[in-house]
C-alpha atoms as a PDB file:
ATOM      1  CA  MET A   1      -1.913 -32.932  21.851  1.00  0.00           C
ATOM      2  CA  LEU A   2       1.716 -33.986  21.604  1.00  0.00           C
ATOM      3  CA  ASP A   3       3.897 -30.922  22.246  1.00  0.00           C
ATOM      4  CA  LEU A   4       6.645 -30.967  19.628  1.00  0.00           C
ATOM      5  CA  LEU A   5       8.596 -27.990  20.963  1.00  0.00           C
ATOM      6  CA  PRO A   6      10.293 -29.764  23.929  1.00  0.00           C
ATOM      7  CA  LEU A   7      10.971 -32.790  21.699  1.00  0.00           C
ATOM      8  CA  LEU A   8      12.744 -30.614  19.140  1.00  0.00           C
ATOM      9  CA  GLU A   9      14.669 -28.812  21.877  1.00  0.00           C
ATOM     10  CA  ASP A  10      15.809 -32.176  23.299  1.00  0.00           C
ATOM     11  CA  LEU A  11      16.970 -33.159  19.810  1.00  0.00           C
ATOM     12  CA  GLY A  12      19.214 -30.095  19.772  1.00  0.00           C
ATOM     13  CA  ILE A  13      17.525 -28.286  16.876  1.00  0.00           C
ATOM     14  CA  GLN A  14      18.505 -24.631  16.936  1.00  0.00           C
ATOM     15  CA  GLY A  15      16.709 -21.372  16.140  1.00  0.00           C
ATOM     16  CA  LEU A  16      13.231 -22.650  16.992  1.00  0.00           C
ATOM     17  CA  ARG A  17      10.336 -20.241  16.514  1.00  0.00           C
ATOM     18  CA  VAL A  18       6.772 -21.276  17.346  1.00  0.00           C
ATOM     19  CA  GLY A  19       3.844 -20.254  15.167  1.00  0.00           C
ATOM     20  CA  ALA A  20       0.152 -21.062  15.405  1.00  0.00           C
ATOM     21  CA  LYS A  21       0.458 -24.202  13.245  1.00  0.00           C
ATOM     22  CA  GLU A  22       4.157 -24.553  12.495  1.00  0.00           C
ATOM     23  CA  ILE A  23       7.499 -24.539  14.286  1.00  0.00           C
ATOM     24  CA  SER A  24      10.421 -23.269  12.227  1.00  0.00           C
ATOM     25  CA  GLY A  25      14.137 -23.566  12.864  1.00  0.00           C
ATOM     26  CA  PHE A  26      17.505 -24.611  11.466  1.00  0.00           C
ATOM     27  CA  CYS A  27      17.152 -27.691   9.252  1.00  0.00           C
ATOM     28  CA  PRO A  28      18.608 -30.723  11.123  1.00  0.00           C
ATOM     29  CA  ALA A  29      19.734 -32.384   7.874  1.00  0.00           C
ATOM     30  CA  HIS A  30      20.900 -29.353   5.912  1.00  0.00           C
ATOM     31  CA  GLU A  31      24.640 -29.683   6.485  1.00  0.00           C
ATOM     32  CA  ALA A  32      24.631 -33.441   5.866  1.00  0.00           C
ATOM     33  CA  ARG A  33      22.722 -33.002   2.602  1.00  0.00           C
ATOM     34  CA  THR A  34      24.533 -29.951   1.242  1.00  0.00           C
ATOM     35  CA  GLY A  35      27.915 -29.872   2.961  1.00  0.00           C
ATOM     36  CA  ARG A  36      27.217 -26.315   4.103  1.00  0.00           C
ATOM     37  CA  ALA A  37      26.248 -25.035   7.534  1.00  0.00           C
ATOM     38  CA  ASN A  38      22.607 -23.996   7.860  1.00  0.00           C
ATOM     39  CA  THR A  39      22.224 -20.250   8.400  1.00  0.00           C
ATOM     40  CA  ASN A  40      18.598 -19.769   7.290  1.00  0.00           C
ATOM     41  CA  THR A  41      16.299 -19.951  10.314  1.00  0.00           C
ATOM     42  CA  GLN A  42      13.138 -19.781   8.228  1.00  0.00           C
ATOM     43  CA  ALA A  43      13.976 -22.473   5.707  1.00  0.00           C
ATOM     44  CA  TRP A  44      12.761 -25.513   7.726  1.00  0.00           C
ATOM     45  CA  SER A  45       9.355 -25.909   9.348  1.00  0.00           C
ATOM     46  CA  ILE A  46       7.387 -28.733  10.962  1.00  0.00           C
ATOM     47  CA  ASN A  47       3.635 -29.031  11.401  1.00  0.00           C
ATOM     48  CA  ARG A  48       2.767 -29.059  15.110  1.00  0.00           C
ATOM     49  CA  GLU A  49      -0.168 -31.395  14.541  1.00  0.00           C
ATOM     50  CA  THR A  50       1.154 -34.043  12.165  1.00  0.00           C
ATOM     51  CA  GLY A  51       4.938 -33.833  12.458  1.00  0.00           C
ATOM     52  CA  ALA A  52       5.224 -33.425   8.687  1.00  0.00           C
ATOM     53  CA  HIS A  53       8.161 -31.171   7.848  1.00  0.00           C
ATOM     54  CA  ILE A  54      10.043 -29.668   4.932  1.00  0.00           C
ATOM     55  CA  CYS A  55      13.177 -27.608   4.312  1.00  0.00           C
ATOM     56  CA  TYR A  56      12.671 -25.207   1.410  1.00  0.00           C
ATOM     57  CA  SER A  57      16.418 -24.815   1.085  1.00  0.00           C
ATOM     58  CA  CYS A  58      17.804 -28.366   0.886  1.00  0.00           C
ATOM     59  CA  GLY A  59      14.603 -30.348   0.281  1.00  0.00           C
ATOM     60  CA  PHE A  60      14.729 -32.486   3.457  1.00  0.00           C
ATOM     61  CA  LYS A  61      11.166 -33.608   4.237  1.00  0.00           C
ATOM     62  CA  GLY A  62       9.151 -36.387   5.824  1.00  0.00           C
ATOM     63  CA  GLY A  63       7.774 -37.215   9.269  1.00  0.00           C
ATOM     64  CA  LEU A  64       8.987 -36.654  12.809  1.00  0.00           C
ATOM     65  CA  ALA A  65      10.779 -40.021  12.808  1.00  0.00           C
ATOM     66  CA  ASP A  66      13.012 -38.737  10.009  1.00  0.00           C
ATOM     67  CA  VAL A  67      14.017 -35.804  12.216  1.00  0.00           C
ATOM     68  CA  TYR A  68      15.115 -38.214  14.945  1.00  0.00           C
ATOM     69  CA  ARG A  69      17.160 -40.200  12.435  1.00  0.00           C
ATOM     70  CA  ALA A  70      18.709 -37.035  10.978  1.00  0.00           C
ATOM     71  CA  VAL A  71      20.196 -36.107  14.355  1.00  0.00           C
ATOM     72  CA  GLY A  72      21.267 -39.683  15.139  1.00  0.00           C
ATOM     73  CA  GLU A  73      18.642 -40.426  17.792  1.00  0.00           C
ATOM     74  CA  VAL A  74      16.534 -43.577  18.236  1.00  0.00           C
ATOM     75  CA  VAL A  75      12.889 -43.140  17.262  1.00  0.00           C
ATOM     76  CA  PRO A  76      10.616 -43.711  20.310  1.00  0.00           C
ATOM     77  CA  GLU A  77       8.367 -46.766  19.875  1.00  0.00           C
ATOM     78  CA  ASP A  78       5.104 -44.945  20.514  1.00  0.00           C
ATOM     79  CA  LEU A  79       5.957 -41.806  18.539  1.00  0.00           C
ATOM     80  CA  GLU A  80       4.358 -42.732  15.225  1.00  0.00           C
ATOM     81  CA  SER A  81       1.205 -44.161  16.847  1.00  0.00           C
ATOM     82  CA  GLU A  82       0.780 -41.051  18.994  1.00  0.00           C
ATOM     83  CA  LEU A  83       1.100 -38.755  15.976  1.00  0.00           C
ATOM     84  CA  ALA A  84      -1.268 -40.931  13.940  1.00  0.00           C
ATOM     85  CA  LYS A  85      -3.862 -40.804  16.721  1.00  0.00           C
ATOM     86  CA  GLN A  86      -3.435 -37.047  16.996  1.00  0.00           C
ATOM     87  CA  SER A  87      -3.794 -36.608  13.238  1.00  0.00           C
ATOM     88  CA  ILE A  88      -7.011 -38.692  13.136  1.00  0.00           C
ATOM     89  CA  GLU A  89      -8.538 -36.695  15.989  1.00  0.00           C
ATOM     90  CA  ALA A  90      -7.669 -33.450  14.251  1.00  0.00           C
ATOM     91  CA  SER A  91      -9.132 -34.697  10.962  1.00  0.00           C
ATOM     92  CA  LEU A  92     -12.400 -35.609  12.678  1.00  0.00           C
ATOM     93  CA  ALA A  93     -12.527 -32.166  14.264  1.00  0.00           C
ATOM     94  CA  ARG A  94     -11.921 -30.478  10.910  1.00  0.00           C
ATOM     95  CA  ALA A  95     -14.706 -32.505   9.301  1.00  0.00           C
ATOM     96  CA  THR A  96     -17.209 -30.596  11.428  1.00  0.00           C
ATOM     97  CA  ARG A  97     -16.123 -27.194  10.167  1.00  0.00           C
ATOM     98  CA  GLU A  98     -15.357 -25.577   6.830  1.00  0.00           C
ATOM     99  CA  GLU A  99     -11.943 -26.415   5.497  1.00  0.00           C
ATOM    100  CA  THR A 100      -9.456 -23.637   4.859  1.00  0.00           C
ATOM    101  CA  VAL A 101      -8.331 -23.563   1.238  1.00  0.00           C
ATOM    102  CA  TYR A 102      -4.628 -22.804   0.934  1.00  0.00           C
ATOM    103  CA  THR A 103      -3.288 -21.177  -2.220  1.00  0.00           C
ATOM    104  CA  GLN A 104      -0.103 -19.398  -3.186  1.00  0.00           C
ATOM    105  CA  THR A 105      -1.631 -16.066  -2.206  1.00  0.00           C
ATOM    106  CA  SER A 106      -3.164 -17.495   1.002  1.00  0.00           C
ATOM    107  CA  PRO A 107      -0.565 -20.007   2.211  1.00  0.00           C
ATOM    108  CA  MET A 108      -0.408 -22.345   5.181  1.00  0.00           C
ATOM    109  CA  ILE A 109       3.191 -21.313   5.846  1.00  0.00           C
ATOM    110  CA  MET A 110       4.122 -17.666   5.351  1.00  0.00           C
ATOM    111  CA  ASP A 111       7.895 -17.190   5.218  1.00  0.00           C
ATOM    112  CA  LEU A 112      10.591 -15.774   2.969  1.00  0.00           C
ATOM    113  CA  PRO A 113      10.844 -18.899   0.767  1.00  0.00           C
ATOM    114  CA  TRP A 114       7.092 -18.574   0.173  1.00  0.00           C
ATOM    115  CA  LEU A 115       7.414 -14.861  -0.638  1.00  0.00           C
ATOM    116  CA  ARG A 116      10.208 -15.578  -3.090  1.00  0.00           C
ATOM    117  CA  SER A 117       8.180 -18.321  -4.781  1.00  0.00           C
ATOM    118  CA  PHE A 118       6.379 -15.470  -6.538  1.00  0.00           C
ATOM    119  CA  PRO A 119       8.111 -14.438  -9.777  1.00  0.00           C
ATOM    120  CA  PRO A 120      10.096 -11.196 -10.035  1.00  0.00           C
ATOM    121  CA  MET A 121       8.314  -8.027 -11.027  1.00  0.00           C
ATOM    122  CA  PRO A 122       7.877  -7.652 -14.811  1.00  0.00           C
ATOM    123  CA  GLU A 123      10.251  -4.970 -16.045  1.00  0.00           C
ATOM    124  CA  ASN A 124       7.492  -3.105 -17.873  1.00  0.00           C
ATOM    125  CA  MET A 125       5.559  -2.755 -14.599  1.00  0.00           C
ATOM    126  CA  LEU A 126       8.669  -1.462 -12.849  1.00  0.00           C
ATOM    127  CA  ALA A 127       9.403   0.972 -15.662  1.00  0.00           C
ATOM    128  CA  HIS A 128       5.884   2.360 -15.410  1.00  0.00           C
ATOM    129  CA  ARG A 129       6.660   3.304 -11.789  1.00  0.00           C
ATOM    130  CA  PHE A 130      10.222   4.474 -12.617  1.00  0.00           C
ATOM    131  CA  ILE A 131      11.684   1.646 -10.498  1.00  0.00           C
ATOM    132  CA  ARG A 132      14.829  -0.242 -11.504  1.00  0.00           C
ATOM    133  CA  PRO A 133      15.013  -4.067 -11.232  1.00  0.00           C
ATOM    134  CA  GLU A 134      17.801  -3.951  -8.635  1.00  0.00           C
ATOM    135  CA  ALA A 135      15.599  -1.806  -6.399  1.00  0.00           C
ATOM    136  CA  ALA A 136      12.727  -4.278  -6.706  1.00  0.00           C
ATOM    137  CA  GLN A 137      15.117  -7.071  -5.791  1.00  0.00           C
ATOM    138  CA  MET A 138      16.470  -5.201  -2.767  1.00  0.00           C
ATOM    139  CA  TYR A 139      12.986  -4.551  -1.378  1.00  0.00           C
ATOM    140  CA  ASP A 140      11.779  -8.096  -2.266  1.00  0.00           C
ATOM    141  CA  LEU A 141       8.989  -6.932  -4.570  1.00  0.00           C
ATOM    142  CA  HIS A 142       7.269  -9.720  -6.505  1.00  0.00           C
ATOM    143  CA  TRP A 143       4.395 -10.248  -8.927  1.00  0.00           C
ATOM    144  CA  ASP A 144       1.210 -12.299  -8.651  1.00  0.00           C
ATOM    145  CA  PHE A 145       0.513 -13.278 -12.255  1.00  0.00           C
ATOM    146  CA  ASP A 146      -2.909 -14.780 -11.506  1.00  0.00           C
ATOM    147  CA  GLY A 147      -4.136 -11.681  -9.705  1.00  0.00           C
ATOM    148  CA  LYS A 148      -2.106  -9.283 -11.861  1.00  0.00           C
ATOM    149  CA  ARG A 149      -0.897  -7.418  -8.783  1.00  0.00           C
ATOM    150  CA  TRP A 150       2.213  -6.427  -6.856  1.00  0.00           C
ATOM    151  CA  VAL A 151       3.315  -8.524  -3.880  1.00  0.00           C
ATOM    152  CA  ILE A 152       4.873  -6.159  -1.341  1.00  0.00           C
ATOM    153  CA  PRO A 153       6.396  -7.654   1.832  1.00  0.00           C
ATOM    154  CA  ILE A 154       5.567  -6.146   5.204  1.00  0.00           C
ATOM    155  CA  MET A 155       8.554  -6.726   7.469  1.00  0.00           C
ATOM    156  CA  SER A 156       8.997  -6.101  11.162  1.00  0.00           C
ATOM    157  CA  PRO A 157      11.524  -3.424  12.214  1.00  0.00           C
ATOM    158  CA  HIS A 158      14.004  -6.294  12.648  1.00  0.00           C
ATOM    159  CA  GLY A 159      13.431  -7.819   9.210  1.00  0.00           C
ATOM    160  CA  GLU A 160      10.982 -10.643   9.957  1.00  0.00           C
ATOM    161  CA  LEU A 161       8.172 -11.260   7.458  1.00  0.00           C
ATOM    162  CA  MET A 162       4.842 -10.200   9.009  1.00  0.00           C
ATOM    163  CA  GLY A 163       2.717 -10.443   5.890  1.00  0.00           C
ATOM    164  CA  VAL A 164       2.275  -8.963   2.441  1.00  0.00           C
ATOM    165  CA  GLN A 165       0.298  -6.250   0.738  1.00  0.00           C
ATOM    166  CA  TYR A 166      -1.217  -7.066  -2.658  1.00  0.00           C
ATOM    167  CA  ARG A 167      -1.647  -4.003  -4.890  1.00  0.00           C
ATOM    168  CA  ALA A 168      -3.514  -4.018  -8.192  1.00  0.00           C
ATOM    169  CA  THR A 169      -4.131  -1.022 -10.443  1.00  0.00           C
ATOM    170  CA  GLY A 170      -7.354   0.751  -9.576  1.00  0.00           C
ATOM    171  CA  GLN A 171      -8.000  -1.302  -6.431  1.00  0.00           C
ATOM    172  CA  ARG A 172      -7.454  -0.758  -2.717  1.00  0.00           C
ATOM    173  CA  PRO A 173      -4.428  -2.573  -1.261  1.00  0.00           C
ATOM    174  CA  ASP A 174      -5.256  -6.014   0.123  1.00  0.00           C
ATOM    175  CA  ASN A 175      -3.293  -7.065   3.210  1.00  0.00           C
ATOM    176  CA  PHE A 176      -2.529 -10.686   4.067  1.00  0.00           C
ATOM    177  CA  PRO A 177      -3.195 -11.867   6.683  1.00  0.00           C
ATOM    178  CA  LYS A 178      -6.263  -9.716   7.270  1.00  0.00           C
ATOM    179  CA  GLU A 179      -5.375  -9.175  10.935  1.00  0.00           C
ATOM    180  CA  LEU A 180      -1.907  -7.889  10.027  1.00  0.00           C
ATOM    181  CA  GLU A 181      -0.926  -4.951  12.262  1.00  0.00           C
ATOM    182  CA  LYS A 182       1.109  -2.965   9.766  1.00  0.00           C
ATOM    183  CA  SER A 183       0.862   0.112  12.011  1.00  0.00           C
ATOM    184  CA  THR A 184       3.547  -1.452  14.229  1.00  0.00           C
ATOM    185  CA  THR A 185       6.237  -1.204  11.555  1.00  0.00           C
ATOM    186  CA  LEU A 186       7.524   0.992   8.731  1.00  0.00           C
ATOM    187  CA  PHE A 187       8.145  -0.340   5.245  1.00  0.00           C
ATOM    188  CA  GLY A 188      11.867  -0.316   4.420  1.00  0.00           C
ATOM    189  CA  LEU A 189      13.086   0.400   7.960  1.00  0.00           C
ATOM    190  CA  HIS A 190      14.979  -2.886   8.341  1.00  0.00           C
ATOM    191  CA  LEU A 191      17.096  -2.132   5.240  1.00  0.00           C
ATOM    192  CA  ILE A 192      18.369   1.299   6.297  1.00  0.00           C
ATOM    193  CA  PRO A 193      21.981   1.263   7.583  1.00  0.00           C
ATOM    194  CA  PRO A 194      22.308   2.400  11.224  1.00  0.00           C
ATOM    195  CA  THR A 195      24.635   5.212  10.103  1.00  0.00           C
ATOM    196  CA  VAL A 196      21.753   6.890   8.217  1.00  0.00           C
ATOM    197  CA  LYS A 197      20.165   9.459  10.534  1.00  0.00           C
ATOM    198  CA  ILE A 198      17.994  11.465   8.124  1.00  0.00           C
ATOM    199  CA  VAL A 199      15.005   9.721   6.549  1.00  0.00           C
ATOM    200  CA  VAL A 200      12.011  10.623   4.414  1.00  0.00           C
ATOM    201  CA  VAL A 201       8.653   9.236   5.529  1.00  0.00           C
ATOM    202  CA  VAL A 202       6.093   8.652   2.759  1.00  0.00           C
ATOM    203  CA  GLU A 203       2.673   7.039   2.515  1.00  0.00           C
ATOM    204  CA  SER A 204       3.280   4.264  -0.036  1.00  0.00           C
ATOM    205  CA  PRO A 205       5.897   1.480  -0.031  1.00  0.00           C
ATOM    206  CA  LEU A 206       6.440   2.016  -3.751  1.00  0.00           C
ATOM    207  CA  ASP A 207       7.435   5.631  -3.058  1.00  0.00           C
ATOM    208  CA  VAL A 208      10.151   4.271  -0.744  1.00  0.00           C
ATOM    209  CA  VAL A 209      11.548   2.152  -3.571  1.00  0.00           C
ATOM    210  CA  ARG A 210      11.308   5.054  -6.011  1.00  0.00           C
ATOM    211  CA  LEU A 211      13.257   7.353  -3.662  1.00  0.00           C
ATOM    212  CA  TRP A 212      15.939   4.705  -3.170  1.00  0.00           C
ATOM    213  CA  CYS A 213      16.464   4.721  -6.945  1.00  0.00           C
ATOM    214  CA  ALA A 214      17.194   8.450  -6.593  1.00  0.00           C
ATOM    215  CA  GLY A 215      19.674   7.899  -3.751  1.00  0.00           C
ATOM    216  CA  VAL A 216      17.351   8.818  -0.867  1.00  0.00           C
ATOM    217  CA  TRP A 217      16.546   6.566   2.093  1.00  0.00           C
ATOM    218  CA  ALA A 218      12.859   6.475   3.012  1.00  0.00           C
ATOM    219  CA  VAL A 219      10.254   4.533   4.981  1.00  0.00           C
ATOM    220  CA  ALA A 220       6.489   4.239   4.475  1.00  0.00           C
ATOM    221  CA  SER A 221       3.627   4.295   6.951  1.00  0.00           C
ATOM    222  CA  PHE A 222       1.191   2.457   4.594  1.00  0.00           C
ATOM    223  CA  GLY A 223      -1.099   5.474   4.398  1.00  0.00           C
ATOM    224  CA  VAL A 224      -1.477   9.110   5.397  1.00  0.00           C
ATOM    225  CA  TYR A 225      -2.019   8.227   9.060  1.00  0.00           C
ATOM    226  CA  ILE A 226       1.120   7.574  11.104  1.00  0.00           C
ATOM    227  CA  SER A 227       0.564   5.592  14.301  1.00  0.00           C
ATOM    228  CA  ASP A 228       2.186   6.297  17.669  1.00  0.00           C
ATOM    229  CA  ALA A 229       4.242   3.120  17.276  1.00  0.00           C
ATOM    230  CA  GLN A 230       5.520   4.299  13.884  1.00  0.00           C
ATOM    231  CA  LEU A 231       6.353   7.759  15.264  1.00  0.00           C
ATOM    232  CA  ASP A 232       8.277   6.088  18.088  1.00  0.00           C
ATOM    233  CA  LEU A 233      10.274   4.085  15.528  1.00  0.00           C
ATOM    234  CA  LEU A 234      11.105   7.282  13.637  1.00  0.00           C
ATOM    235  CA  SER A 235      12.168   9.213  16.722  1.00  0.00           C
ATOM    236  CA  ARG A 236      14.297   6.344  18.067  1.00  0.00           C
ATOM    237  CA  ASN A 237      16.133   5.604  14.824  1.00  0.00           C
ATOM    238  CA  PHE A 238      16.641   9.022  13.217  1.00  0.00           C
ATOM    239  CA  THR A 239      17.742  12.527  14.170  1.00  0.00           C
ATOM    240  CA  MET A 240      15.766  14.219  11.394  1.00  0.00           C
ATOM    241  CA  VAL A 241      12.566  13.216   9.582  1.00  0.00           C
ATOM    242  CA  VAL A 242      11.503  14.714   6.251  1.00  0.00           C
ATOM    243  CA  VAL A 243       7.713  14.370   6.052  1.00  0.00           C
ATOM    244  CA  ALA A 244       6.565  13.635   2.487  1.00  0.00           C
ATOM    245  CA  VAL A 245       2.852  12.961   2.726  1.00  0.00           C
ATOM    246  CA  ASP A 246       1.062  13.322  -0.609  1.00  0.00           C
ATOM    247  CA  ASN A 247       1.693  16.857  -1.914  1.00  0.00           C
ATOM    248  CA  PRO A 248      -0.261  19.222   0.385  1.00  0.00           C
ATOM    249  CA  ALA A 249      -0.562  21.724  -2.442  1.00  0.00           C
ATOM    250  CA  ILE A 250      -2.933  19.438  -4.365  1.00  0.00           C
ATOM    251  CA  ASP A 251      -3.969  16.697  -1.915  1.00  0.00           C
ATOM    252  CA  LYS A 252      -6.467  17.495   0.849  1.00  0.00           C
ATOM    253  CA  ALA A 253      -5.658  14.433   2.973  1.00  0.00           C
ATOM    254  CA  GLY A 254      -1.940  15.220   2.856  1.00  0.00           C
ATOM    255  CA  ARG A 255      -2.575  18.871   3.703  1.00  0.00           C
ATOM    256  CA  GLU A 256      -4.735  17.994   6.733  1.00  0.00           C
ATOM    257  CA  ALA A 257      -2.321  15.331   8.032  1.00  0.00           C
ATOM    258  CA  LEU A 258       0.923  17.289   7.652  1.00  0.00           C
ATOM    259  CA  GLU A 259       0.950  19.609  10.672  1.00  0.00           C
ATOM    260  CA  PRO A 260      -0.320  17.004  13.187  1.00  0.00           C
ATOM    261  CA  ILE A 261       2.430  14.619  12.079  1.00  0.00           C
ATOM    262  CA  MET A 262       5.073  17.340  12.422  1.00  0.00           C
ATOM    263  CA  ALA A 263       3.804  18.293  15.883  1.00  0.00           C
ATOM    264  CA  ARG A 264       3.698  14.683  17.123  1.00  0.00           C
ATOM    265  CA  LEU A 265       7.273  14.112  15.966  1.00  0.00           C
ATOM    266  CA  ARG A 266       8.514  17.267  17.635  1.00  0.00           C
ATOM    267  CA  ARG A 267       6.832  16.291  20.907  1.00  0.00           C
ATOM    268  CA  ARG A 268       9.026  13.209  20.793  1.00  0.00           C
ATOM    269  CA  GLY A 269      12.108  15.388  20.445  1.00  0.00           C
ATOM    270  CA  CYS A 270      12.578  14.502  16.774  1.00  0.00           C
ATOM    271  CA  PRO A 271      13.129  17.461  14.397  1.00  0.00           C
ATOM    272  CA  ALA A 272      10.800  17.312  11.395  1.00  0.00           C
ATOM    273  CA  ILE A 273      10.750  19.260   8.142  1.00  0.00           C
ATOM    274  CA  VAL A 274       8.438  19.255   5.127  1.00  0.00           C
ATOM    275  CA  PHE A 275       9.431  17.638   1.834  1.00  0.00           C
ATOM    276  CA  ASP A 276       9.859  20.271  -0.868  1.00  0.00           C
ATOM    277  CA  TYR A 277       7.655  19.389  -3.855  1.00  0.00           C
ATOM    278  CA  THR A 278       8.505  22.646  -5.639  1.00  0.00           C
ATOM    279  CA  GLY A 279       9.029  22.031  -9.374  1.00  0.00           C
ATOM    280  CA  LEU A 280       8.345  18.275  -9.258  1.00  0.00           C
ATOM    281  CA  VAL A 281       6.071  17.045 -12.053  1.00  0.00           C
ATOM    282  CA  ASP A 282       4.608  13.751 -13.189  1.00  0.00           C
ATOM    283  CA  ARG A 283       4.976  12.072 -16.601  1.00  0.00           C
ATOM    284  CA  ASP A 284       2.321  14.365 -18.084  1.00  0.00           C
ATOM    285  CA  GLY A 285       3.919  17.557 -16.793  1.00  0.00           C
ATOM    286  CA  ASN A 286       1.371  18.058 -14.001  1.00  0.00           C
ATOM    287  CA  VAL A 287       2.298  18.838 -10.403  1.00  0.00           C
ATOM    288  CA  ALA A 288       3.498  15.615  -8.754  1.00  0.00           C
ATOM    289  CA  LYS A 289       1.207  14.175  -6.094  1.00  0.00           C
ATOM    290  CA  ASP A 290       3.902  12.011  -4.479  1.00  0.00           C
ATOM    291  CA  PRO A 291       7.568  11.059  -5.032  1.00  0.00           C
ATOM    292  CA  GLY A 292       6.516   8.019  -7.056  1.00  0.00           C
ATOM    293  CA  ASP A 293       5.097  10.290  -9.760  1.00  0.00           C
ATOM    294  CA  VAL A 294       8.500  11.780 -10.595  1.00  0.00           C
ATOM    295  CA  ALA A 295      10.468  10.194 -13.442  1.00  0.00           C
ATOM    296  CA  ASP A 296      13.758  12.036 -13.003  1.00  0.00           C
ATOM    297  CA  ASP A 297      16.148  10.763 -10.299  1.00  0.00           C
ATOM    298  CA  TYR A 298      18.099  14.007 -10.192  1.00  0.00           C
ATOM    299  CA  SER A 299      14.975  16.087  -9.571  1.00  0.00           C
ATOM    300  CA  LEU A 300      13.929  13.842  -6.699  1.00  0.00           C
ATOM    301  CA  TYR A 301      17.375  13.942  -5.113  1.00  0.00           C
ATOM    302  CA  GLN A 302      17.537  17.716  -5.427  1.00  0.00           C
ATOM    303  CA  ALA A 303      14.072  18.046  -3.865  1.00  0.00           C
ATOM    304  CA  PHE A 304      15.361  16.079  -0.873  1.00  0.00           C
ATOM    305  CA  ARG A 305      18.408  18.376  -0.614  1.00  0.00           C
ATOM    306  CA  HIS A 306      16.239  21.485  -0.930  1.00  0.00           C
ATOM    307  CA  SER A 307      14.061  20.162   1.903  1.00  0.00           C
ATOM    308  CA  LEU A 308      17.194  20.178   4.066  1.00  0.00           C
ATOM    309  CA  GLY A 309      18.048  23.719   2.978  1.00  0.00           C
ATOM    310  CA  ILE A 310      20.890  22.616   0.720  1.00  0.00           C
ATOM    311  CA  ARG A 311      21.118  24.378  -2.628  1.00  0.00           C
ATOM    312  CA  GLY A 312      23.352  23.735  -5.617  1.00  0.00           C
ATOM    313  CA  ASP A 313      24.910  20.486  -6.830  1.00  0.00           C
ATOM    314  CA  SER A 314      27.748  20.095  -4.334  1.00  0.00           C
END
């Protein structure tokens, strides 16, 4: 198989990142086509098997020969024939096994341009969860109209797209890809300024977004269980963690998980305190199960302050 990576390196293409089927990097034709320097590493990708490529930012696409021409290099005589041979061999191999069907929700290339090809969240869906549109935009929340479900990005601690979580009412969250190791990251961590040293940890990504609307920085563990890797991220990045598992007063899983989480944080030298759910209610006036149940921003913010032992409005 023709190895495209050294060829692209020799052509001087910057920011190369190798995936299983694609190599992404700075688009070699972006500046010539747009007049602006290329600063989006994930906008251009090339298929390692066929040499077919596309830039989702400027629209540059074609075959490997076009990449050579874009950087002002002569196309090698045997390049096209070698790629054609490679493509035929791969096609014959695929004919013996079931073809993968690519769709918008199960793409060949998973990157930020793909994520943002989903439409924005409908405002009525956001309002139902007490989330403002600017918060949905900040956390890159989108909507899958066909599946009638939320599209929630799962980012690495450094802000790289690892996958997504699809969430539909009344159904268990569906992670894509299936082998996604979400226990190695915390939802929302990459957006928190380094000057913020106190954070709330919750179970659900949507609770993170809800708390941000109330002026509180939070991260989510994608469930009541918090992995060792996630605890390490908390202890390395923050000097105080407010643990807001689902309300222990009414939720058995939250009640059983609370003390072990607190103890594991403290063993890492990270002070931990319990989120104060006192007085928080849902839309029907019942005791709130989690921060996402609470409609009033002020009540949520005050609950955070009370957790820290701060009383009053100052």
